[in-house]
Each structure stands twice: as C-alpha cells, then as structure tokens.
PDB file of N, CA and C in Angstrom:
ATOM      1  N   MET A   1     -61.696 136.590   3.527  1.00  0.00           N
ATOM      2  CA  MET A   1     -60.685 135.556   3.354  1.00  0.00           C
ATOM      3  C   MET A   1     -60.824 134.303   4.786  1.00  0.00           C
ATOM      4  N   THR A   2     -60.627 133.268   3.673  1.00  0.00           N
ATOM      5  CA  THR A   2     -60.480 132.100   5.271  1.00  0.00           C
ATOM      6  C   THR A   2     -58.501 132.278   5.422  1.00  0.00           C
ATOM      7  N   ARG A   3     -58.041 132.392   4.573  1.00  0.00           N
ATOM      8  CA  ARG A   3     -56.749 132.596   4.361  1.00  0.00           C
ATOM      9  C   ARG A   3     -56.119 134.347   4.013  1.00  0.00           C
ATOM     10  N   GLU A   4     -55.992 134.739   4.871  1.00  0.00           N
ATOM     11  CA  GLU A   4     -54.745 136.150   4.224  1.00  0.00           C
ATOM     12  C   GLU A   4     -54.195 136.128   2.924  1.00  0.00           C
ATOM     13  N   ASN A   5     -55.326 136.948   1.566  1.00  0.00           N
ATOM     14  CA  ASN A   5     -54.832 136.523   0.335  1.00  0.00           C
ATOM     15  C   ASN A   5     -54.730 137.941  -0.149  1.00  0.00           C
ATOM     16  N   PRO A   6     -53.701 138.666  -0.030  1.00  0.00           N
ATOM     17  CA  PRO A   6     -53.634 140.252  -0.520  1.00  0.00           C
ATOM     18  C   PRO A   6     -54.161 140.512  -1.818  1.00  0.00           C
ATOM     19  N   PHE A   7     -53.594 139.594  -2.958  1.00  0.00           N
ATOM     20  CA  PHE A   7     -54.002 139.942  -4.447  1.00  0.00           C
ATOM     21  C   PHE A   7     -55.490 139.632  -4.256  1.00  0.00           C
ATOM     22  N   ALA A   8     -56.165 138.523  -3.803  1.00  0.00           N
ATOM     23  CA  ALA A   8     -57.715 138.646  -4.048  1.00  0.00           C
ATOM     24  C   ALA A   8     -58.489 139.756  -3.302  1.00  0.00           C
ATOM     25  N   GLU A   9     -58.100 140.388  -2.727  1.00  0.00           N
ATOM     26  CA  GLU A   9     -58.339 141.708  -1.844  1.00  0.00           C
ATOM     27  C   GLU A   9     -58.257 142.925  -2.289  1.00  0.00           C
ATOM     28  N   HIS A  10     -56.974 142.944  -2.887  1.00  0.00           N
ATOM     29  CA  HIS A  10     -56.116 144.416  -3.825  1.00  0.00           C
ATOM     30  C   HIS A  10     -57.960 144.421  -4.939  1.00  0.00           C
ATOM     31  N   ILE A  11     -57.655 143.186  -6.047  1.00  0.00           N
ATOM     32  CA  ILE A  11     -58.675 143.584  -6.679  1.00  0.00           C
ATOM     33  C   ILE A  11     -60.151 143.300  -6.321  1.00  0.00           C
ATOM     34  N   GLY A  12     -60.476 143.256  -5.000  1.00  0.00           N
ATOM     35  CA  GLY A  12     -62.185 143.448  -5.097  1.00  0.00           C
ATOM     36  C   GLY A  12     -62.557 141.813  -4.608  1.00  0.00           C
ATOM     37  N   ILE A  13     -61.770 141.101  -4.571  1.00  0.00           N
ATOM     38  CA  ILE A  13     -62.625 139.508  -4.617  1.00  0.00           C
ATOM     39  C   ILE A  13     -63.087 139.360  -3.463  1.00  0.00           C
ATOM     40  N   GLU A  14     -64.369 138.923  -2.736  1.00  0.00           N
ATOM     41  CA  GLU A  14     -64.811 138.168  -1.805  1.00  0.00           C
ATOM     42  C   GLU A  14     -65.261 137.017  -1.242  1.00  0.00           C
ATOM     43  N   GLU A  15     -64.388 137.029  -0.536  1.00  0.00           N
ATOM     44  CA  GLU A  15     -65.551 135.213  -0.041  1.00  0.00           C
ATOM     45  C   GLU A  15     -66.584 135.676   0.065  1.00  0.00           C
ATOM     46  N   VAL A  16     -67.790 134.321  -0.131  1.00  0.00           N
ATOM     47  CA  VAL A  16     -69.345 134.178   0.115  1.00  0.00           C
ATOM     48  C   VAL A  16     -69.180 132.998   1.131  1.00  0.00           C
ATOM     49  N   GLU A  17     -68.949 132.223   0.475  1.00  0.00           N
ATOM     50  CA  GLU A  17     -69.405 131.152   1.715  1.00  0.00           C
ATOM     51  C   GLU A  17     -67.946 129.711   1.275  1.00  0.00           C
ATOM     52  N   VAL A  18     -67.625 129.284   1.991  1.00  0.00           N
ATOM     53  CA  VAL A  18     -66.694 128.189   1.886  1.00  0.00           C
ATOM     54  C   VAL A  18     -67.022 127.151   2.809  1.00  0.00           C
ATOM     55  N   SER A  19     -67.293 125.549   1.918  1.00  0.00           N
ATOM     56  CA  SER A  19     -67.471 124.830   3.138  1.00  0.00           C
ATOM     57  C   SER A  19     -66.594 123.405   2.294  1.00  0.00           C
ATOM     58  N   PRO A  20     -66.292 122.121   2.918  1.00  0.00           N
ATOM     59  CA  PRO A  20     -65.330 121.038   2.809  1.00  0.00           C
ATOM     60  C   PRO A  20     -65.753 120.933   0.791  1.00  0.00           C
ATOM     61  N   GLY A  21     -64.823 121.145   0.343  1.00  0.00           N
ATOM     62  CA  GLY A  21     -65.020 121.026  -1.290  1.00  0.00           C
ATOM     63  C   GLY A  21     -65.598 121.833  -2.604  1.00  0.00           C
ATOM     64  N   THR A  22     -66.139 123.098  -1.576  1.00  0.00           N
ATOM     65  CA  THR A  22     -66.750 123.898  -2.130  1.00  0.00           C
ATOM     66  C   THR A  22     -66.307 125.520  -1.697  1.00  0.00           C
ATOM     67  N   ALA A  23     -67.002 126.100  -2.774  1.00  0.00           N
ATOM     68  CA  ALA A  23     -66.542 128.259  -2.635  1.00  0.00           C
ATOM     69  C   ALA A  23     -67.197 128.656  -2.968  1.00  0.00           C
ATOM     70  N   GLU A  24     -67.772 129.912  -2.883  1.00  0.00           N
ATOM     71  CA  GLU A  24     -68.027 130.969  -3.758  1.00  0.00           C
ATOM     72  C   GLU A  24     -67.592 132.500  -3.381  1.00  0.00           C
ATOM     73  N   VAL A  25     -67.126 132.899  -4.329  1.00  0.00           N
ATOM     74  CA  VAL A  25     -66.656 134.256  -4.277  1.00  0.00           C
ATOM     75  C   VAL A  25     -67.591 135.184  -5.197  1.00  0.00           C
ATOM     76  N   LYS A  26     -67.161 136.451  -4.718  1.00  0.00           N
ATOM     77  CA  LYS A  26     -67.759 137.806  -5.932  1.00  0.00           C
ATOM     78  C   LYS A  26     -67.244 138.692  -5.958  1.00  0.00           C
ATOM     79  N   VAL A  27     -67.409 139.607  -7.331  1.00  0.00           N
ATOM     80  CA  VAL A  27     -66.289 140.575  -7.238  1.00  0.00           C
ATOM     81  C   VAL A  27     -67.589 142.062  -7.521  1.00  0.00           C
ATOM     82  N   GLN A  28     -67.468 143.336  -7.374  1.00  0.00           N
ATOM     83  CA  GLN A  28     -68.165 144.452  -7.625  1.00  0.00           C
ATOM     84  C   GLN A  28     -67.385 145.110  -9.145  1.00  0.00           C
ATOM     85  N   THR A  29     -67.557 144.668  -9.793  1.00  0.00           N
ATOM     86  CA  THR A  29     -66.934 145.283 -11.148  1.00  0.00           C
ATOM     87  C   THR A  29     -66.454 147.036 -11.605  1.00  0.00           C
ATOM     88  N   LYS A  30     -65.828 147.676 -11.527  1.00  0.00           N
ATOM     89  CA  LYS A  30     -65.367 148.742 -11.747  1.00  0.00           C
ATOM     90  C   LYS A  30     -65.408 149.300 -12.659  1.00  0.00           C
ATOM     91  N   ASP A  31     -64.864 150.570 -13.253  1.00  0.00           N
ATOM     92  CA  ASP A  31     -64.238 150.868 -14.842  1.00  0.00           C
ATOM     93  C   ASP A  31     -63.263 150.502 -14.799  1.00  0.00           C
ATOM     94  N   TYR A  32     -62.268 150.286 -13.630  1.00  0.00           N
ATOM     95  CA  TYR A  32     -60.583 150.362 -13.455  1.00  0.00           C
ATOM     96  C   TYR A  32     -60.468 148.848 -13.781  1.00  0.00           C
ATOM     97  N   HIS A  33     -61.758 147.455 -13.562  1.00  0.00           N
ATOM     98  CA  HIS A  33     -61.537 146.542 -14.258  1.00  0.00           C
ATOM     99  C   HIS A  33     -61.639 146.499 -15.788  1.00  0.00           C
ATOM    100  N   THR A  34     -62.099 146.983 -16.530  1.00  0.00           N
ATOM    101  CA  THR A  34     -62.368 146.918 -17.635  1.00  0.00           C
ATOM    102  C   THR A  34     -61.005 146.664 -18.958  1.00  0.00           C
ATOM    103  N   ASN A  35     -61.360 146.245 -20.108  1.00  0.00           N
ATOM    104  CA  ASN A  35     -60.439 146.103 -21.072  1.00  0.00           C
ATOM    105  C   ASN A  35     -60.398 147.006 -21.884  1.00  0.00           C
ATOM    106  N   ILE A  36     -59.836 147.194 -23.577  1.00  0.00           N
ATOM    107  CA  ILE A  36     -59.832 148.575 -24.386  1.00  0.00           C
ATOM    108  C   ILE A  36     -61.394 148.441 -24.999  1.00  0.00           C
ATOM    109  N   LEU A  37     -61.771 147.287 -24.606  1.00  0.00           N
ATOM    110  CA  LEU A  37     -63.457 147.620 -25.331  1.00  0.00           C
ATOM    111  C   LEU A  37     -64.029 148.060 -24.311  1.00  0.00           C
ATOM    112  N   GLY A  38     -63.895 147.961 -23.366  1.00  0.00           N
ATOM    113  CA  GLY A  38     -65.156 148.782 -22.247  1.00  0.00           C
ATOM    114  C   GLY A  38     -65.911 147.532 -21.746  1.00  0.00           C
ATOM    115  N   TYR A  39     -65.397 146.167 -22.031  1.00  0.00           N
ATOM    116  CA  TYR A  39     -65.602 145.442 -20.995  1.00  0.00           C
ATOM    117  C   TYR A  39     -64.847 144.765 -19.757  1.00  0.00           C
ATOM    118  N   VAL A  40     -65.703 144.268 -18.854  1.00  0.00           N
ATOM    119  CA  VAL A  40     -64.476 143.451 -18.002  1.00  0.00           C
ATOM    120  C   VAL A  40     -63.268 142.728 -18.364  1.00  0.00           C
ATOM    121  N   HIS A  41     -62.535 142.928 -17.520  1.00  0.00           N
ATOM    122  CA  HIS A  41     -61.085 142.583 -18.349  1.00  0.00           C
ATOM    123  C   HIS A  41     -60.712 140.983 -18.059  1.00  0.00           C
ATOM    124  N   GLY A  42     -61.024 139.969 -19.032  1.00  0.00           N
ATOM    125  CA  GLY A  42     -60.627 138.816 -18.606  1.00  0.00           C
ATOM    126  C   GLY A  42     -59.823 137.915 -18.117  1.00  0.00           C
ATOM    127  N   GLY A  43     -59.079 138.558 -17.435  1.00  0.00           N
ATOM    128  CA  GLY A  43     -57.700 138.852 -16.344  1.00  0.00           C
ATOM    129  C   GLY A  43     -59.011 138.664 -14.768  1.00  0.00           C
ATOM    130  N   LEU A  44     -59.806 139.391 -15.220  1.00  0.00           N
ATOM    131  CA  LEU A  44     -60.483 139.782 -13.634  1.00  0.00           C
ATOM    132  C   LEU A  44     -61.512 138.187 -13.397  1.00  0.00           C
ATOM    133  N   ILE A  45     -61.749 138.088 -14.268  1.00  0.00           N
ATOM    134  CA  ILE A  45     -62.807 136.843 -14.725  1.00  0.00           C
ATOM    135  C   ILE A  45     -62.231 135.717 -14.091  1.00  0.00           C
ATOM    136  N   TYR A  46     -61.133 135.462 -14.871  1.00  0.00           N
ATOM    137  CA  TYR A  46     -60.214 134.119 -14.278  1.00  0.00           C
ATOM    138  C   TYR A  46     -59.846 134.582 -12.823  1.00  0.00           C
ATOM    139  N   SER A  47     -59.212 135.572 -12.430  1.00  0.00           N
ATOM    140  CA  SER A  47     -58.523 135.634 -10.817  1.00  0.00           C
ATOM    141  C   SER A  47     -60.135 135.628  -9.973  1.00  0.00           C
ATOM    142  N   LEU A  48     -61.505 135.628 -10.713  1.00  0.00           N
ATOM    143  CA  LEU A  48     -62.115 134.836  -9.655  1.00  0.00           C
ATOM    144  C   LEU A  48     -62.441 133.645  -9.621  1.00  0.00           C
ATOM    145  N   ALA A  49     -62.349 133.039 -10.922  1.00  0.00           N
ATOM    146  CA  ALA A  49     -62.516 131.749 -10.740  1.00  0.00           C
ATOM    147  C   ALA A  49     -61.714 130.916 -10.277  1.00  0.00           C
ATOM    148  N   ASP A  50     -60.404 131.618 -10.251  1.00  0.00           N
ATOM    149  CA  ASP A  50     -58.902 130.937  -9.712  1.00  0.00           C
ATOM    150  C   ASP A  50     -59.000 131.053  -7.880  1.00  0.00           C
ATOM    151  N   VAL A  51     -59.641 132.098  -7.275  1.00  0.00           N
ATOM    152  CA  VAL A  51     -59.801 131.952  -5.948  1.00  0.00           C
ATOM    153  C   VAL A  51     -60.195 131.074  -5.657  1.00  0.00           C
ATOM    154  N   ALA A  52     -61.665 131.360  -6.189  1.00  0.00           N
ATOM    155  CA  ALA A  52     -62.695 130.437  -5.701  1.00  0.00           C
ATOM    156  C   ALA A  52     -62.109 128.902  -5.997  1.00  0.00           C
ATOM    157  N   PHE A  53     -61.603 128.364  -7.046  1.00  0.00           N
ATOM    158  CA  PHE A  53     -60.641 126.906  -7.046  1.00  0.00           C
ATOM    159  C   PHE A  53     -59.501 126.852  -6.082  1.00  0.00           C
ATOM    160  N   GLU A  54     -59.042 127.863  -5.539  1.00  0.00           N
ATOM    161  CA  GLU A  54     -57.848 127.653  -4.474  1.00  0.00           C
ATOM    162  C   GLU A  54     -58.794 127.230  -3.477  1.00  0.00           C
ATOM    163  N   LEU A  55     -59.444 128.284  -3.106  1.00  0.00           N
ATOM    164  CA  LEU A  55     -60.530 128.038  -1.563  1.00  0.00           C
ATOM    165  C   LEU A  55     -60.988 126.984  -1.414  1.00  0.00           C
ATOM    166  N   ALA A  56     -61.681 125.900  -2.720  1.00  0.00           N
ATOM    167  CA  ALA A  56     -62.492 125.031  -2.448  1.00  0.00           C
ATOM    168  C   ALA A  56     -61.066 123.705  -1.924  1.00  0.00           C
ATOM    169  N   SER A  57     -60.548 124.177  -3.183  1.00  0.00           N
ATOM    170  CA  SER A  57     -59.259 122.974  -3.179  1.00  0.00           C
ATOM    171  C   SER A  57     -58.377 122.999  -2.422  1.00  0.00           C
ATOM    172  N   ASN A  58     -58.557 123.724  -1.131  1.00  0.00           N
ATOM    173  CA  ASN A  58     -57.663 124.021   0.018  1.00  0.00           C
ATOM    174  C   ASN A  58     -58.894 123.731   1.283  1.00  0.00           C
ATOM    175  N   SER A  59     -60.019 123.263   1.082  1.00  0.00           N
ATOM    176  CA  SER A  59     -60.599 123.252   2.414  1.00  0.00           C
ATOM    177  C   SER A  59     -60.801 122.199   2.724  1.00  0.00           C
ATOM    178  N   HIS A  60     -60.044 121.791   2.663  1.00  0.00           N
ATOM    179  CA  HIS A  60     -60.022 120.227   3.458  1.00  0.00           C
ATOM    180  C   HIS A  60     -58.902 119.422   4.633  1.00  0.00           C
ATOM    181  N   GLY A  61     -58.407 120.790   4.606  1.00  0.00           N
ATOM    182  CA  GLY A  61     -57.067 120.815   5.652  1.00  0.00           C
ATOM    183  C   GLY A  61     -56.046 121.033   5.499  1.00  0.00           C
ATOM    184  N   VAL A  62     -55.697 120.351   3.996  1.00  0.00           N
ATOM    185  CA  VAL A  62     -54.558 119.888   3.346  1.00  0.00           C
ATOM    186  C   VAL A  62     -54.060 120.747   1.973  1.00  0.00           C
ATOM    187  N   ASP A  63     -52.969 121.206   2.169  1.00  0.00           N
ATOM    188  CA  ASP A  63     -52.635 122.065   1.061  1.00  0.00           C
ATOM    189  C   ASP A  63     -52.162 121.497   0.090  1.00  0.00           C
ATOM    190  N   ALA A  64     -52.720 122.252  -1.106  1.00  0.00           N
ATOM    191  CA  ALA A  64     -53.306 121.928  -2.469  1.00  0.00           C
ATOM    192  C   ALA A  64     -52.981 122.750  -3.532  1.00  0.00           C
ATOM    193  N   VAL A  65     -51.963 122.974  -4.444  1.00  0.00           N
ATOM    194  CA  VAL A  65     -51.524 123.516  -5.551  1.00  0.00           C
ATOM    195  C   VAL A  65     -51.893 123.382  -7.221  1.00  0.00           C
ATOM    196  N   GLY A  66     -52.448 124.035  -7.659  1.00  0.00           N
ATOM    197  CA  GLY A  66     -52.834 124.268  -8.979  1.00  0.00           C
ATOM    198  C   GLY A  66     -51.821 123.586  -9.813  1.00  0.00           C
ATOM    199  N   VAL A  67     -52.262 122.424 -10.403  1.00  0.00           N
ATOM    200  CA  VAL A  67     -51.704 121.693 -11.730  1.00  0.00           C
ATOM    201  C   VAL A  67     -51.314 121.986 -13.051  1.00  0.00           C
ATOM    202  N   THR A  68     -53.206 122.406 -13.400  1.00  0.00           N
ATOM    203  CA  THR A  68     -53.751 123.229 -15.021  1.00  0.00           C
ATOM    204  C   THR A  68     -54.851 123.022 -14.370  1.00  0.00           C
ATOM    205  N   THR A  69     -55.671 124.321 -15.399  1.00  0.00           N
ATOM    206  CA  THR A  69     -56.935 125.226 -15.241  1.00  0.00           C
ATOM    207  C   THR A  69     -56.974 125.254 -17.006  1.00  0.00           C
ATOM    208  N   SER A  70     -58.267 125.625 -16.813  1.00  0.00           N
ATOM    209  CA  SER A  70     -58.320 125.763 -18.107  1.00  0.00           C
ATOM    210  C   SER A  70     -60.106 126.283 -17.818  1.00  0.00           C
ATOM    211  N   MET A  71     -60.216 127.434 -18.901  1.00  0.00           N
ATOM    212  CA  MET A  71     -60.702 128.470 -18.708  1.00  0.00           C
ATOM    213  C   MET A  71     -61.719 128.937 -19.983  1.00  0.00           C
ATOM    214  N   GLN A  72     -63.406 128.716 -19.883  1.00  0.00           N
ATOM    215  CA  GLN A  72     -63.446 128.986 -21.316  1.00  0.00           C
ATOM    216  C   GLN A  72     -64.880 130.543 -20.898  1.00  0.00           C
ATOM    217  N   PHE A  73     -64.798 131.075 -21.977  1.00  0.00           N
ATOM    218  CA  PHE A  73     -65.470 133.002 -21.920  1.00  0.00           C
ATOM    219  C   PHE A  73     -66.863 132.331 -22.899  1.00  0.00           C
ATOM    220  N   HIS A  74     -68.068 132.627 -22.193  1.00  0.00           N
ATOM    221  CA  HIS A  74     -69.380 132.947 -22.393  1.00  0.00           C
ATOM    222  C   HIS A  74     -69.550 134.429 -23.234  1.00  0.00           C
ATOM    223  N   ARG A  75     -69.379 134.766 -22.246  1.00  0.00           N
ATOM    224  CA  ARG A  75     -69.847 136.313 -22.429  1.00  0.00           C
ATOM    225  C   ARG A  75     -69.488 137.386 -21.809  1.00  0.00           C
ATOM    226  N   ALA A  76     -69.462 138.457 -22.454  1.00  0.00           N
ATOM    227  CA  ALA A  76     -68.796 139.466 -21.371  1.00  0.00           C
ATOM    228  C   ALA A  76     -69.178 140.307 -21.064  1.00  0.00           C
ATOM    229  N   VAL A  77     -68.703 141.197 -19.464  1.00  0.00           N
ATOM    230  CA  VAL A  77     -69.161 141.535 -18.404  1.00  0.00           C
ATOM    231  C   VAL A  77     -69.217 142.932 -18.702  1.00  0.00           C
ATOM    232  N   LYS A  78     -70.325 143.715 -17.952  1.00  0.00           N
ATOM    233  CA  LYS A  78     -69.901 145.548 -18.336  1.00  0.00           C
ATOM    234  C   LYS A  78     -69.126 145.619 -16.785  1.00  0.00           C
ATOM    235  N   ALA A  79     -68.952 146.620 -16.530  1.00  0.00           N
ATOM    236  CA  ALA A  79     -68.578 147.668 -15.136  1.00  0.00           C
ATOM    237  C   ALA A  79     -69.857 147.634 -14.828  1.00  0.00           C
ATOM    238  N   GLY A  80     -70.037 147.604 -13.087  1.00  0.00           N
ATOM    239  CA  GLY A  80     -70.678 147.355 -12.485  1.00  0.00           C
ATOM    240  C   GLY A  80     -71.683 146.530 -11.788  1.00  0.00           C
ATOM    241  N   ASP A  81     -71.427 145.558 -12.887  1.00  0.00           N
ATOM    242  CA  ASP A  81     -71.925 144.168 -12.623  1.00  0.00           C
ATOM    243  C   ASP A  81     -71.563 143.238 -11.550  1.00  0.00           C
ATOM    244  N   THR A  82     -72.483 142.482 -10.432  1.00  0.00           N
ATOM    245  CA  THR A  82     -72.078 141.755  -9.759  1.00  0.00           C
ATOM    246  C   THR A  82     -71.579 140.378 -10.124  1.00  0.00           C
ATOM    247  N   VAL A  83     -70.219 139.707 -10.020  1.00  0.00           N
ATOM    248  CA  VAL A  83     -69.950 138.636 -10.332  1.00  0.00           C
ATOM    249  C   VAL A  83     -69.801 137.554  -9.908  1.00  0.00           C
ATOM    250  N   MET A  84     -70.538 136.518  -9.705  1.00  0.00           N
ATOM    251  CA  MET A  84     -70.358 135.384  -8.966  1.00  0.00           C
ATOM    252  C   MET A  84     -69.703 134.468  -9.463  1.00  0.00           C
ATOM    253  N   ALA A  85     -68.565 133.616  -8.726  1.00  0.00           N
ATOM    254  CA  ALA A  85     -67.742 132.025  -8.966  1.00  0.00           C
ATOM    255  C   ALA A  85     -68.150 130.952  -8.002  1.00  0.00           C
ATOM    256  N   SER A  86     -68.569 130.010  -8.435  1.00  0.00           N
ATOM    257  CA  SER A  86     -68.853 128.815  -7.259  1.00  0.00           C
ATOM    258  C   SER A  86     -68.560 127.705  -7.619  1.00  0.00           C
ATOM    259  N   ALA A  87     -67.247 127.102  -7.067  1.00  0.00           N
ATOM    260  CA  ALA A  87     -66.322 126.097  -7.150  1.00  0.00           C
ATOM    261  C   ALA A  87     -66.845 124.955  -6.537  1.00  0.00           C
ATOM    262  N   THR A  88     -67.129 123.721  -7.185  1.00  0.00           N
ATOM    263  CA  THR A  88     -67.722 122.433  -7.154  1.00  0.00           C
ATOM    264  C   THR A  88     -66.360 121.026  -7.165  1.00  0.00           C
ATOM    265  N   GLU A  89     -66.170 120.302  -7.025  1.00  0.00           N
ATOM    266  CA  GLU A  89     -65.380 119.927  -6.553  1.00  0.00           C
ATOM    267  C   GLU A  89     -65.695 118.329  -7.066  1.00  0.00           C
ATOM    268  N   THR A  90     -65.316 118.464  -7.827  1.00  0.00           N
ATOM    269  CA  THR A  90     -65.506 116.917  -8.843  1.00  0.00           C
ATOM    270  C   THR A  90     -64.886 115.362  -8.724  1.00  0.00           C
ATOM    271  N   HIS A  91     -64.026 115.439  -8.228  1.00  0.00           N
ATOM    272  CA  HIS A  91     -63.051 114.428  -8.041  1.00  0.00           C
ATOM    273  C   HIS A  91     -62.128 114.734  -6.799  1.00  0.00           C
ATOM    274  N   LEU A  92     -62.004 113.702  -5.383  1.00  0.00           N
ATOM    275  CA  LEU A  92     -60.879 113.792  -4.686  1.00  0.00           C
ATOM    276  C   LEU A  92     -60.448 113.122  -4.107  1.00  0.00           C
ATOM    277  N   GLY A  93     -59.063 112.720  -4.738  1.00  0.00           N
ATOM    278  CA  GLY A  93     -58.153 111.693  -4.358  1.00  0.00           C
ATOM    279  C   GLY A  93     -57.191 112.037  -3.573  1.00  0.00           C
ATOM    280  N   LYS A  94     -56.293 110.811  -3.158  1.00  0.00           N
ATOM    281  CA  LYS A  94     -55.010 110.863  -2.128  1.00  0.00           C
ATOM    282  C   LYS A  94     -54.125 112.090  -2.556  1.00  0.00           C
ATOM    283  N   THR A  95     -54.116 112.374  -4.399  1.00  0.00           N
ATOM    284  CA  THR A  95     -52.646 112.893  -4.405  1.00  0.00           C
ATOM    285  C   THR A  95     -53.613 114.786  -5.292  1.00  0.00           C
ATOM    286  N   LEU A  96     -54.642 113.838  -5.726  1.00  0.00           N
ATOM    287  CA  LEU A  96     -55.418 114.926  -7.188  1.00  0.00           C
ATOM    288  C   LEU A  96     -56.707 115.423  -6.834  1.00  0.00           C
ATOM    289  N   ALA A  97     -56.751 116.425  -6.507  1.00  0.00           N
ATOM    290  CA  ALA A  97     -58.517 116.914  -6.837  1.00  0.00           C
ATOM    291  C   ALA A  97     -58.653 117.592  -8.648  1.00  0.00           C
ATOM    292  N   THR A  98     -60.037 117.935  -8.817  1.00  0.00           N
ATOM    293  CA  THR A  98     -60.580 118.273  -9.327  1.00  0.00           C
ATOM    294  C   THR A  98     -61.726 119.452  -9.055  1.00  0.00           C
ATOM    295  N   TYR A  99     -62.353 120.295  -9.861  1.00  0.00           N
ATOM    296  CA  TYR A  99     -63.345 121.387  -9.274  1.00  0.00           C
ATOM    297  C   TYR A  99     -63.632 121.352 -11.034  1.00  0.00           C
ATOM    298  N   HIS A 100     -65.044 122.325 -10.891  1.00  0.00           N
ATOM    299  CA  HIS A 100     -65.391 123.356 -11.711  1.00  0.00           C
ATOM    300  C   HIS A 100     -65.973 123.992 -11.379  1.00  0.00           C
ATOM    301  N   ILE A 101     -65.713 124.892 -11.447  1.00  0.00           N
ATOM    302  CA  ILE A 101     -66.376 126.120 -11.296  1.00  0.00           C
ATOM    303  C   ILE A 101     -67.198 127.100 -12.201  1.00  0.00           C
ATOM    304  N   LEU A 102     -68.456 127.751 -12.204  1.00  0.00           N
ATOM    305  CA  LEU A 102     -68.820 128.674 -13.250  1.00  0.00           C
ATOM    306  C   LEU A 102     -68.964 129.840 -12.614  1.00  0.00           C
ATOM    307  N   VAL A 103     -68.921 131.104 -13.509  1.00  0.00           N
ATOM    308  CA  VAL A 103     -68.695 132.493 -13.489  1.00  0.00           C
ATOM    309  C   VAL A 103     -70.104 132.700 -13.909  1.00  0.00           C
ATOM    310  N   GLU A 104     -70.787 133.693 -12.984  1.00  0.00           N
ATOM    311  CA  GLU A 104     -71.788 133.979 -13.437  1.00  0.00           C
ATOM    312  C   GLU A 104     -72.287 135.231 -12.950  1.00  0.00           C
ATOM    313  N   THR A 105     -73.263 136.382 -13.824  1.00  0.00           N
ATOM    314  CA  THR A 105     -73.694 137.459 -13.358  1.00  0.00           C
ATOM    315  C   THR A 105     -74.821 137.586 -13.840  1.00  0.00           C
ATOM    316  N   ASN A 106     -75.776 138.358 -13.559  1.00  0.00           N
ATOM    317  CA  ASN A 106     -77.625 138.576 -14.478  1.00  0.00           C
ATOM    318  C   ASN A 106     -77.704 137.079 -14.100  1.00  0.00           C
ATOM    319  N   GLN A 107     -77.908 136.017 -13.523  1.00  0.00           N
ATOM    320  CA  GLN A 107     -78.367 134.703 -14.098  1.00  0.00           C
ATOM    321  C   GLN A 107     -77.411 134.019 -14.903  1.00  0.00           C
ATOM    322  N   GLN A 108     -76.641 134.923 -15.597  1.00  0.00           N
ATOM    323  CA  GLN A 108     -75.921 133.879 -16.954  1.00  0.00           C
ATOM    324  C   GLN A 108     -74.284 133.655 -16.399  1.00  0.00           C
ATOM    325  N   VAL A 109     -74.080 132.247 -17.305  1.00  0.00           N
ATOM    326  CA  VAL A 109     -73.132 131.535 -17.159  1.00  0.00           C
ATOM    327  C   VAL A 109     -72.354 132.472 -18.164  1.00  0.00           C
ATOM    328  N   VAL A 110     -71.076 133.356 -17.330  1.00  0.00           N
ATOM    329  CA  VAL A 110     -70.540 134.200 -18.784  1.00  0.00           C
ATOM    330  C   VAL A 110     -69.234 133.289 -18.588  1.00  0.00           C
ATOM    331  N   ALA A 111     -68.678 132.281 -18.211  1.00  0.00           N
ATOM    332  CA  ALA A 111     -67.570 131.591 -18.085  1.00  0.00           C
ATOM    333  C   ALA A 111     -67.844 130.324 -17.191  1.00  0.00           C
ATOM    334  N   SER A 112     -66.579 129.141 -18.095  1.00  0.00           N
ATOM    335  CA  SER A 112     -66.411 128.447 -16.832  1.00  0.00           C
ATOM    336  C   SER A 112     -64.965 127.921 -16.614  1.00  0.00           C
ATOM    337  N   PHE A 113     -64.356 127.256 -15.801  1.00  0.00           N
ATOM    338  CA  PHE A 113     -63.304 126.402 -15.584  1.00  0.00           C
ATOM    339  C   PHE A 113     -63.057 125.409 -14.860  1.00  0.00           C
ATOM    340  N   THR A 114     -62.133 125.004 -15.325  1.00  0.00           N
ATOM    341  CA  THR A 114     -62.133 124.076 -15.099  1.00  0.00           C
ATOM    342  C   THR A 114     -60.464 123.322 -14.266  1.00  0.00           C
ATOM    343  N   GLY A 115     -60.362 123.026 -13.579  1.00  0.00           N
ATOM    344  CA  GLY A 115     -59.081 122.979 -12.565  1.00  0.00           C
ATOM    345  C   GLY A 115     -58.817 121.783 -11.765  1.00  0.00           C
ATOM    346  N   THR A 116     -56.926 121.532 -11.969  1.00  0.00           N
ATOM    347  CA  THR A 116     -56.659 120.231 -10.915  1.00  0.00           C
ATOM    348  C   THR A 116     -55.843 120.511 -10.218  1.00  0.00           C
ATOM    349  N   VAL A 117     -55.751 119.807  -8.679  1.00  0.00           N
ATOM    350  CA  VAL A 117     -54.727 120.476  -7.708  1.00  0.00           C
ATOM    351  C   VAL A 117     -53.778 119.469  -7.232  1.00  0.00           C
ATOM    352  N   TYR A 118     -52.726 119.462  -7.268  1.00  0.00           N
ATOM    353  CA  TYR A 118     -51.738 118.624  -5.979  1.00  0.00           C
ATOM    354  C   TYR A 118     -52.103 118.521  -4.802  1.00  0.00           C
ATOM    355  N   ARG A 119     -52.596 117.550  -3.996  1.00  0.00           N
ATOM    356  CA  ARG A 119     -53.083 117.416  -2.565  1.00  0.00           C
ATOM    357  C   ARG A 119     -51.475 117.273  -1.950  1.00  0.00           C
ATOM    358  N   MET A 120     -50.781 118.376  -1.072  1.00  0.00           N
ATOM    359  CA  MET A 120     -49.477 118.097  -0.811  1.00  0.00           C
ATOM    360  C   MET A 120     -49.670 117.344   0.887  1.00  0.00           C
ATOM    361  N   SER A 121     -48.852 115.968   0.719  1.00  0.00           N
ATOM    362  CA  SER A 121     -49.027 115.468   1.849  1.00  0.00           C
ATOM    363  C   SER A 121     -48.526 116.539   3.039  1.00  0.00           C
ATOM    364  N   SER A 122     -49.131 116.226   4.144  1.00  0.00           N
ATOM    365  CA  SER A 122     -48.706 117.159   5.530  1.00  0.00           C
ATOM    366  C   SER A 122     -47.708 117.168   6.245  1.00  0.00           C
TER     367      SER A 122
END
C-alpha cells in the first residue's frame, strides 16, 4: 500500500497501481471471506471498492476523507476468484471530489461504487 493500511492488509487487499486520480486494487478471495450462502461477503467487496476509493482520492497529496458512498451489487462472487477494483476520478474540485469504482472478476462487473470525498486543506 502507498501508506500503511492495516485493515486492508489484514483482509488480503493488495495495491496494484495508483496514479493521480486513479487506483487499482485486488483481493484473492478465500473460503473465510464467504457469507452464510457460500458466496463472497458483500462487506469484502465493499471494502475492496473503498480501498480503491481511498487510494485514488488521496493520490493528489491532499488528505481526503469520504463523505458519501453508494454501492450496487450486480452478481455474486465465488471463493477462489480474484476480484479487482478500479477507481476513476470523475470530478476534482477544491474541496470535493467524486470517484466511480468498478469491481470485476472473470471479466464481469460484479459491483459498482460511487463516492465523494472532502479534500482537507493542508
């Protein structure tokens, strides 16, 4: 991770690439990531998207904190799949910025996430 992120590391999320306004992260899902139905828990998918959001929104050298997020789940994920989240900046203002994150596995979109951050002054 660009900065130490104990939670992301603990659940197995890895940084793939970060550049100004974008980020890509991944997780190799395991049996212990599953819910009571045997699919990967939505909390892991949300956390993956949130880490991509966090890295992209903090990639400009200004601390940014989330103020709102929204996530839509499109299909279930099976344990053993590698899941990727890619964040793209859609708006960068002085105090607010917005990001869209696509979560994919096996070349299929499994979830989409939108988040807005407050950019703190230095």
